[in-house]
Amino acid sequence: SLYIRPLSYFLLTCVAVLSVFFEILYFRKNTNPWLIILKMILIGMIVRAGLFYEFPTIYGIDPWFHQFVIKDYIDVGHIPPSAEFQYQTLPMFHLLVANFQLIAETTVRTAVFLSVGLVEVVSIIFVYLIGESVFNRKVGLLAAMLIVVSDYWILWGVWIIPQTLGMIFFLVVLYIFFVLNRGRTSTLNAILFVFFSFISILTHTIAAFITAITLLIIYLSSWA
């Protein structure tokens, strides 16, 4: 039926998720973790695509507003002075999607999903890298898998707004911070940390605030 995913879709998805969980629980040192991560990413993409494309129009309430902001950016060719609310000074999400839409010559709906929605799934790589650096590969894989199937992470992967992009930058900044905090300092790491922190600020205020608070807590706890 139209707008309804069949029961087999959910059963097969559950089987795929459980198989990956068992593979992680019985993880061995000679197992390639990136193959498991690839399976996670494919599952995450299928789940989000199945929900995002279940209906013929863009998913959610806020995304409807943001698609018109993106359209304004494309129509005028720059950030319009009359951009609604605070997004005149927080343009990263709309600029990214607008540029992707122009380059790929696609609809705003598809541009939003491909440029941000799928990247949100791929960003679990940073969850794995953080878990691996703090604990071990098994913990990193388990953390990444839990993120892939968590309800709010799925929601932000289909209800795609600037905060979705902000969460992606949060993971990137957090990973680089762990790298720097563990003594692996270099000019490149420092530049990347400053760059993504600045980009996060230009993406979403809440995401930037959460990033700042998280980094501050981790930094202070390292001195405790």
C-alpha atoms as a PDB file:
ATOM      1  CA  SER A   1       0.000   0.000   0.000  1.00  0.00           C
ATOM      2  CA  LEU A   2       1.036   3.598  -0.583  1.00  0.00           C
ATOM      3  CA  TYR A   3       2.933   5.227   2.309  1.00  0.00           C
ATOM      4  CA  ILE A   4       3.217   1.923   4.182  1.00  0.00           C
ATOM      5  CA  ARG A   5       6.383  -0.139   4.548  1.00  0.00           C
ATOM      6  CA  PRO A   6       5.660  -3.890   4.568  1.00  0.00           C
ATOM      7  CA  LEU A   7       6.166  -6.020   7.665  1.00  0.00           C
ATOM      8  CA  SER A   8       8.994  -7.872   5.909  1.00  0.00           C
ATOM      9  CA  TYR A   9      10.962  -4.594   5.791  1.00  0.00           C
ATOM     10  CA  PHE A  10      10.926  -4.316   9.584  1.00  0.00           C
ATOM     11  CA  LEU A  11      11.639  -8.007  10.147  1.00  0.00           C
ATOM     12  CA  LEU A  12      14.634  -7.997   7.809  1.00  0.00           C
ATOM     13  CA  THR A  13      15.913  -4.788   9.385  1.00  0.00           C
ATOM     14  CA  CYS A  14      15.672  -6.344  12.862  1.00  0.00           C
ATOM     15  CA  VAL A  15      17.532  -9.433  11.662  1.00  0.00           C
ATOM     16  CA  ALA A  16      20.278  -7.274  10.152  1.00  0.00           C
ATOM     17  CA  VAL A  17      20.623  -5.220  13.349  1.00  0.00           C
ATOM     18  CA  LEU A  18      20.735  -8.294  15.591  1.00  0.00           C
ATOM     19  CA  SER A  19      23.309  -9.979  13.358  1.00  0.00           C
ATOM     20  CA  VAL A  20      25.618  -6.956  13.661  1.00  0.00           C
ATOM     21  CA  PHE A  21      25.110  -6.830  17.445  1.00  0.00           C
ATOM     22  CA  PHE A  22      26.087 -10.512  17.749  1.00  0.00           C
ATOM     23  CA  GLU A  23      29.070  -9.904  15.501  1.00  0.00           C
ATOM     24  CA  ILE A  24      30.202  -7.134  17.864  1.00  0.00           C
ATOM     25  CA  LEU A  25      29.596  -9.174  21.034  1.00  0.00           C
ATOM     26  CA  TYR A  26      31.729 -12.004  19.664  1.00  0.00           C
ATOM     27  CA  PHE A  27      34.279  -9.651  18.140  1.00  0.00           C
ATOM     28  CA  ARG A  28      37.793 -11.048  17.786  1.00  0.00           C
ATOM     29  CA  LYS A  29      41.099  -9.275  17.341  1.00  0.00           C
ATOM     30  CA  ASN A  30      41.551 -10.560  13.804  1.00  0.00           C
ATOM     31  CA  THR A  31      38.110  -9.282  12.722  1.00  0.00           C
ATOM     32  CA  ASN A  32      38.098  -6.221  10.490  1.00  0.00           C
ATOM     33  CA  PRO A  33      36.149  -3.515  12.432  1.00  0.00           C
ATOM     34  CA  TRP A  34      35.654  -1.378   9.309  1.00  0.00           C
ATOM     35  CA  LEU A  35      33.644  -4.138   7.665  1.00  0.00           C
ATOM     36  CA  ILE A  36      31.276  -4.090  10.633  1.00  0.00           C
ATOM     37  CA  ILE A  37      31.082  -0.296  10.471  1.00  0.00           C
ATOM     38  CA  LEU A  38      30.212  -0.535   6.774  1.00  0.00           C
ATOM     39  CA  LYS A  39      27.298  -2.832   7.688  1.00  0.00           C
ATOM     40  CA  MET A  40      26.149  -0.313  10.315  1.00  0.00           C
ATOM     41  CA  ILE A  41      26.235   2.518   7.793  1.00  0.00           C
ATOM     42  CA  LEU A  42      24.234   0.516   5.249  1.00  0.00           C
ATOM     43  CA  ILE A  43      21.616  -0.375   7.886  1.00  0.00           C
ATOM     44  CA  GLY A  44      21.415   3.250   8.996  1.00  0.00           C
ATOM     45  CA  MET A  45      20.993   4.488   5.431  1.00  0.00           C
ATOM     46  CA  ILE A  46      18.270   1.936   4.667  1.00  0.00           C
ATOM     47  CA  VAL A  47      16.336   2.787   7.838  1.00  0.00           C
ATOM     48  CA  ARG A  48      16.507   6.525   7.215  1.00  0.00           C
ATOM     49  CA  ALA A  49      15.784   6.315   3.489  1.00  0.00           C
ATOM     50  CA  GLY A  50      12.796   4.070   4.171  1.00  0.00           C
ATOM     51  CA  LEU A  51      11.352   6.672   6.524  1.00  0.00           C
ATOM     52  CA  PHE A  52      12.405   9.789   4.609  1.00  0.00           C
ATOM     53  CA  TYR A  53      11.012   8.613   1.282  1.00  0.00           C
ATOM     54  CA  GLU A  54       7.882   7.020   2.743  1.00  0.00           C
ATOM     55  CA  PHE A  55       5.973  10.199   1.884  1.00  0.00           C
ATOM     56  CA  PRO A  56       6.128  12.254  -1.327  1.00  0.00           C
ATOM     57  CA  THR A  57       7.062  15.535   0.347  1.00  0.00           C
ATOM     58  CA  ILE A  58       9.796  16.670   2.729  1.00  0.00           C
ATOM     59  CA  TYR A  59       9.655  15.029   6.146  1.00  0.00           C
ATOM     60  CA  GLY A  60       8.854  16.978   9.319  1.00  0.00           C
ATOM     61  CA  ILE A  61       7.687  20.453  10.301  1.00  0.00           C
ATOM     62  CA  ASP A  62      10.849  22.565  10.691  1.00  0.00           C
ATOM     63  CA  PRO A  63      12.343  21.214   7.425  1.00  0.00           C
ATOM     64  CA  TRP A  64       9.468  22.832   5.555  1.00  0.00           C
ATOM     65  CA  PHE A  65      10.620  26.238   6.784  1.00  0.00           C
ATOM     66  CA  HIS A  66      14.264  25.513   6.001  1.00  0.00           C
ATOM     67  CA  GLN A  67      13.546  24.468   2.422  1.00  0.00           C
ATOM     68  CA  PHE A  68      12.188  27.947   1.732  1.00  0.00           C
ATOM     69  CA  VAL A  69      15.292  29.546   3.264  1.00  0.00           C
ATOM     70  CA  ILE A  70      17.414  27.355   0.955  1.00  0.00           C
ATOM     71  CA  LYS A  71      15.274  28.447  -1.995  1.00  0.00           C
ATOM     72  CA  ASP A  72      15.884  32.103  -1.074  1.00  0.00           C
ATOM     73  CA  TYR A  73      19.645  31.503  -1.024  1.00  0.00           C
ATOM     74  CA  ILE A  74      19.523  29.957  -4.509  1.00  0.00           C
ATOM     75  CA  ASP A  75      17.194  32.621  -5.955  1.00  0.00           C
ATOM     76  CA  VAL A  76      19.312  35.596  -4.868  1.00  0.00           C
ATOM     77  CA  GLY A  77      22.724  33.883  -5.152  1.00  0.00           C
ATOM     78  CA  HIS A  78      23.927  34.974  -1.707  1.00  0.00           C
ATOM     79  CA  ILE A  79      22.829  35.104   1.915  1.00  0.00           C
ATOM     80  CA  PRO A  80      19.829  37.465   1.762  1.00  0.00           C
ATOM     81  CA  PRO A  81      19.794  40.305   4.342  1.00  0.00           C
ATOM     82  CA  SER A  82      16.161  39.464   5.041  1.00  0.00           C
ATOM     83  CA  ALA A  83      16.928  35.836   5.957  1.00  0.00           C
ATOM     84  CA  GLU A  84      14.383  34.691   8.512  1.00  0.00           C
ATOM     85  CA  PHE A  85      15.209  34.873  12.227  1.00  0.00           C
ATOM     86  CA  GLN A  86      18.794  34.044  13.236  1.00  0.00           C
ATOM     87  CA  TYR A  87      19.728  32.069  10.142  1.00  0.00           C
ATOM     88  CA  GLN A  88      21.249  35.105   8.485  1.00  0.00           C
ATOM     89  CA  THR A  89      24.196  34.619  10.875  1.00  0.00           C
ATOM     90  CA  LEU A  90      23.931  30.793  10.982  1.00  0.00           C
ATOM     91  CA  PRO A  91      24.072  29.951   7.282  1.00  0.00           C
ATOM     92  CA  MET A  92      26.166  26.761   7.061  1.00  0.00           C
ATOM     93  CA  PHE A  93      23.305  24.262   6.717  1.00  0.00           C
ATOM     94  CA  HIS A  94      21.482  26.248   4.058  1.00  0.00           C
ATOM     95  CA  LEU A  95      24.680  27.041   2.144  1.00  0.00           C
ATOM     96  CA  LEU A  96      25.704  23.379   2.105  1.00  0.00           C
ATOM     97  CA  VAL A  97      22.340  22.135   0.862  1.00  0.00           C
ATOM     98  CA  ALA A  98      21.928  24.980  -1.647  1.00  0.00           C
ATOM     99  CA  ASN A  99      25.360  24.321  -3.170  1.00  0.00           C
ATOM    100  CA  PHE A 100      24.720  20.576  -3.311  1.00  0.00           C
ATOM    101  CA  GLN A 101      21.371  21.166  -5.004  1.00  0.00           C
ATOM    102  CA  LEU A 102      22.968  23.404  -7.631  1.00  0.00           C
ATOM    103  CA  ILE A 103      25.893  21.045  -8.303  1.00  0.00           C
ATOM    104  CA  ALA A 104      23.820  17.835  -8.355  1.00  0.00           C
ATOM    105  CA  GLU A 105      20.893  19.522 -10.138  1.00  0.00           C
ATOM    106  CA  THR A 106      18.363  17.847  -7.883  1.00  0.00           C
ATOM    107  CA  THR A 107      15.393  18.833  -5.711  1.00  0.00           C
ATOM    108  CA  VAL A 108      15.863  20.448  -2.331  1.00  0.00           C
ATOM    109  CA  ARG A 109      14.374  17.339  -0.727  1.00  0.00           C
ATOM    110  CA  THR A 110      16.960  15.024  -2.249  1.00  0.00           C
ATOM    111  CA  ALA A 111      19.745  17.550  -1.657  1.00  0.00           C
ATOM    112  CA  VAL A 112      18.918  17.728   2.055  1.00  0.00           C
ATOM    113  CA  PHE A 113      18.950  13.952   2.426  1.00  0.00           C
ATOM    114  CA  LEU A 114      22.113  13.283   0.418  1.00  0.00           C
ATOM    115  CA  SER A 115      24.205  16.189   1.697  1.00  0.00           C
ATOM    116  CA  VAL A 116      23.266  15.995   5.397  1.00  0.00           C
ATOM    117  CA  GLY A 117      21.044  12.977   6.104  1.00  0.00           C
ATOM    118  CA  LEU A 118      23.459  10.353   4.803  1.00  0.00           C
ATOM    119  CA  VAL A 119      26.471  12.169   6.243  1.00  0.00           C
ATOM    120  CA  GLU A 120      24.784  11.924   9.654  1.00  0.00           C
ATOM    121  CA  VAL A 121      24.895   8.126   9.316  1.00  0.00           C
ATOM    122  CA  VAL A 122      28.530   8.088   8.168  1.00  0.00           C
ATOM    123  CA  SER A 123      29.507  10.275  11.144  1.00  0.00           C
ATOM    124  CA  ILE A 124      29.169   7.231  13.429  1.00  0.00           C
ATOM    125  CA  ILE A 125      32.758   6.580  12.370  1.00  0.00           C
ATOM    126  CA  PHE A 126      33.757   9.280  14.857  1.00  0.00           C
ATOM    127  CA  VAL A 127      31.724   7.569  17.588  1.00  0.00           C
ATOM    128  CA  TYR A 128      33.706   4.399  16.905  1.00  0.00           C
ATOM    129  CA  LEU A 129      37.036   6.251  16.874  1.00  0.00           C
ATOM    130  CA  ILE A 130      36.259   7.961  20.199  1.00  0.00           C
ATOM    131  CA  GLY A 131      35.169   4.678  21.810  1.00  0.00           C
ATOM    132  CA  GLU A 132      38.235   2.909  20.482  1.00  0.00           C
ATOM    133  CA  SER A 133      40.627   5.595  21.723  1.00  0.00           C
ATOM    134  CA  VAL A 134      39.074   5.741  25.200  1.00  0.00           C
ATOM    135  CA  PHE A 135      38.349   2.015  25.676  1.00  0.00           C
ATOM    136  CA  ASN A 136      38.832  -0.521  22.870  1.00  0.00           C
ATOM    137  CA  ARG A 137      37.517  -1.562  19.451  1.00  0.00           C
ATOM    138  CA  LYS A 138      34.644  -3.611  20.848  1.00  0.00           C
ATOM    139  CA  VAL A 139      33.307  -0.727  22.936  1.00  0.00           C
ATOM    140  CA  GLY A 140      33.709   1.640  20.000  1.00  0.00           C
ATOM    141  CA  LEU A 141      31.731  -0.675  17.707  1.00  0.00           C
ATOM    142  CA  LEU A 142      28.998  -1.173  20.294  1.00  0.00           C
ATOM    143  CA  ALA A 143      28.686   2.590  20.867  1.00  0.00           C
ATOM    144  CA  ALA A 144      28.472   3.234  17.119  1.00  0.00           C
ATOM    145  CA  MET A 145      25.787   0.571  16.674  1.00  0.00           C
ATOM    146  CA  LEU A 146      23.711   1.921  19.557  1.00  0.00           C
ATOM    147  CA  ILE A 147      23.848   5.374  17.953  1.00  0.00           C
ATOM    148  CA  VAL A 148      22.771   3.997  14.559  1.00  0.00           C
ATOM    149  CA  VAL A 149      19.563   2.471  15.973  1.00  0.00           C
ATOM    150  CA  SER A 150      18.784   5.091  18.645  1.00  0.00           C
ATOM    151  CA  ASP A 151      15.430   6.777  18.133  1.00  0.00           C
ATOM    152  CA  TYR A 152      16.614  10.388  18.297  1.00  0.00           C
ATOM    153  CA  TRP A 153      19.569   9.761  15.984  1.00  0.00           C
ATOM    154  CA  ILE A 154      17.156   8.233  13.467  1.00  0.00           C
ATOM    155  CA  LEU A 155      14.791  11.191  13.943  1.00  0.00           C
ATOM    156  CA  TRP A 156      17.497  13.775  13.239  1.00  0.00           C
ATOM    157  CA  GLY A 157      18.506  11.732  10.203  1.00  0.00           C
ATOM    158  CA  VAL A 158      15.098  12.265   8.576  1.00  0.00           C
ATOM    159  CA  TRP A 159      13.875  15.430  10.334  1.00  0.00           C
ATOM    160  CA  ILE A 160      16.865  17.196   8.816  1.00  0.00           C
ATOM    161  CA  ILE A 161      17.534  20.709  10.090  1.00  0.00           C
ATOM    162  CA  PRO A 162      20.654  22.755  10.996  1.00  0.00           C
ATOM    163  CA  GLN A 163      20.868  20.947  14.336  1.00  0.00           C
ATOM    164  CA  THR A 164      21.430  17.686  12.418  1.00  0.00           C
ATOM    165  CA  LEU A 165      24.507  19.184  10.794  1.00  0.00           C
ATOM    166  CA  GLY A 166      25.509  20.644  14.146  1.00  0.00           C
ATOM    167  CA  MET A 167      25.513  17.159  15.704  1.00  0.00           C
ATOM    168  CA  ILE A 168      27.798  15.922  12.944  1.00  0.00           C
ATOM    169  CA  PHE A 169      30.262  18.729  13.646  1.00  0.00           C
ATOM    170  CA  PHE A 170      29.931  17.973  17.373  1.00  0.00           C
ATOM    171  CA  LEU A 171      31.256  14.441  16.812  1.00  0.00           C
ATOM    172  CA  VAL A 172      34.091  15.703  14.601  1.00  0.00           C
ATOM    173  CA  VAL A 173      35.158  18.361  17.137  1.00  0.00           C
ATOM    174  CA  LEU A 174      34.863  15.903  20.026  1.00  0.00           C
ATOM    175  CA  TYR A 175      37.098  13.366  18.288  1.00  0.00           C
ATOM    176  CA  ILE A 176      39.755  15.955  17.407  1.00  0.00           C
ATOM    177  CA  PHE A 177      39.641  17.197  21.006  1.00  0.00           C
ATOM    178  CA  PHE A 178      40.323  13.664  22.278  1.00  0.00           C
ATOM    179  CA  VAL A 179      43.214  13.393  19.826  1.00  0.00           C
ATOM    180  CA  LEU A 180      44.717  16.668  21.071  1.00  0.00           C
ATOM    181  CA  ASN A 181      44.019  15.854  24.725  1.00  0.00           C
ATOM    182  CA  ARG A 182      45.923  12.585  24.436  1.00  0.00           C
ATOM    183  CA  GLY A 183      49.095  14.317  23.386  1.00  0.00           C
ATOM    184  CA  ARG A 184      48.811  13.785  19.627  1.00  0.00           C
ATOM    185  CA  THR A 185      49.241  17.480  18.977  1.00  0.00           C
ATOM    186  CA  SER A 186      50.137  18.792  15.560  1.00  0.00           C
ATOM    187  CA  THR A 187      49.552  21.929  13.566  1.00  0.00           C
ATOM    188  CA  LEU A 188      47.053  20.113  11.341  1.00  0.00           C
ATOM    189  CA  ASN A 189      45.007  18.801  14.300  1.00  0.00           C
ATOM    190  CA  ALA A 190      44.939  22.252  15.883  1.00  0.00           C
ATOM    191  CA  ILE A 191      43.825  23.867  12.628  1.00  0.00           C
ATOM    192  CA  LEU A 192      41.098  21.245  12.125  1.00  0.00           C
ATOM    193  CA  PHE A 193      39.881  21.734  15.692  1.00  0.00           C
ATOM    194  CA  VAL A 194      39.599  25.513  15.284  1.00  0.00           C
ATOM    195  CA  PHE A 195      38.037  25.188  11.823  1.00  0.00           C
ATOM    196  CA  PHE A 196      35.289  22.733  12.779  1.00  0.00           C
ATOM    197  CA  SER A 197      34.610  24.569  16.038  1.00  0.00           C
ATOM    198  CA  PHE A 198      34.088  27.786  14.073  1.00  0.00           C
ATOM    199  CA  ILE A 199      31.895  26.006  11.509  1.00  0.00           C
ATOM    200  CA  SER A 200      29.834  24.535  14.362  1.00  0.00           C
ATOM    201  CA  ILE A 201      29.186  28.037  15.714  1.00  0.00           C
ATOM    202  CA  LEU A 202      27.924  29.114  12.266  1.00  0.00           C
ATOM    203  CA  THR A 203      25.603  26.097  12.046  1.00  0.00           C
ATOM    204  CA  HIS A 204      23.390  26.028  15.127  1.00  0.00           C
ATOM    205  CA  THR A 205      23.488  27.795  18.494  1.00  0.00           C
ATOM    206  CA  ILE A 206      22.288  24.821  20.552  1.00  0.00           C
ATOM    207  CA  ALA A 207      24.731  22.401  18.923  1.00  0.00           C
ATOM    208  CA  ALA A 208      27.584  24.876  19.457  1.00  0.00           C
ATOM    209  CA  PHE A 209      26.587  25.362  23.111  1.00  0.00           C
ATOM    210  CA  ILE A 210      26.433  21.606  23.733  1.00  0.00           C
ATOM    211  CA  THR A 211      29.827  21.198  22.076  1.00  0.00           C
ATOM    212  CA  ALA A 212      31.368  23.918  24.259  1.00  0.00           C
ATOM    213  CA  ILE A 213      29.900  22.530  27.493  1.00  0.00           C
ATOM    214  CA  THR A 214      30.972  18.966  26.652  1.00  0.00           C
ATOM    215  CA  LEU A 215      34.538  20.002  25.845  1.00  0.00           C
ATOM    216  CA  LEU A 216      34.747  22.107  29.014  1.00  0.00           C
ATOM    217  CA  ILE A 217      33.561  19.216  31.206  1.00  0.00           C
ATOM    218  CA  ILE A 218      36.016  16.779  29.599  1.00  0.00           C
ATOM    219  CA  TYR A 219      38.875  19.265  29.940  1.00  0.00           C
ATOM    220  CA  LEU A 220      38.134  20.009  33.609  1.00  0.00           C
ATOM    221  CA  SER A 221      37.704  16.311  34.431  1.00  0.00           C
ATOM    222  CA  SER A 222      41.149  15.597  32.974  1.00  0.00           C
ATOM    223  CA  TRP A 223      42.618  17.882  35.650  1.00  0.00           C
ATOM    224  CA  ALA A 224      40.573  16.376  38.495  1.00  0.00           C
END
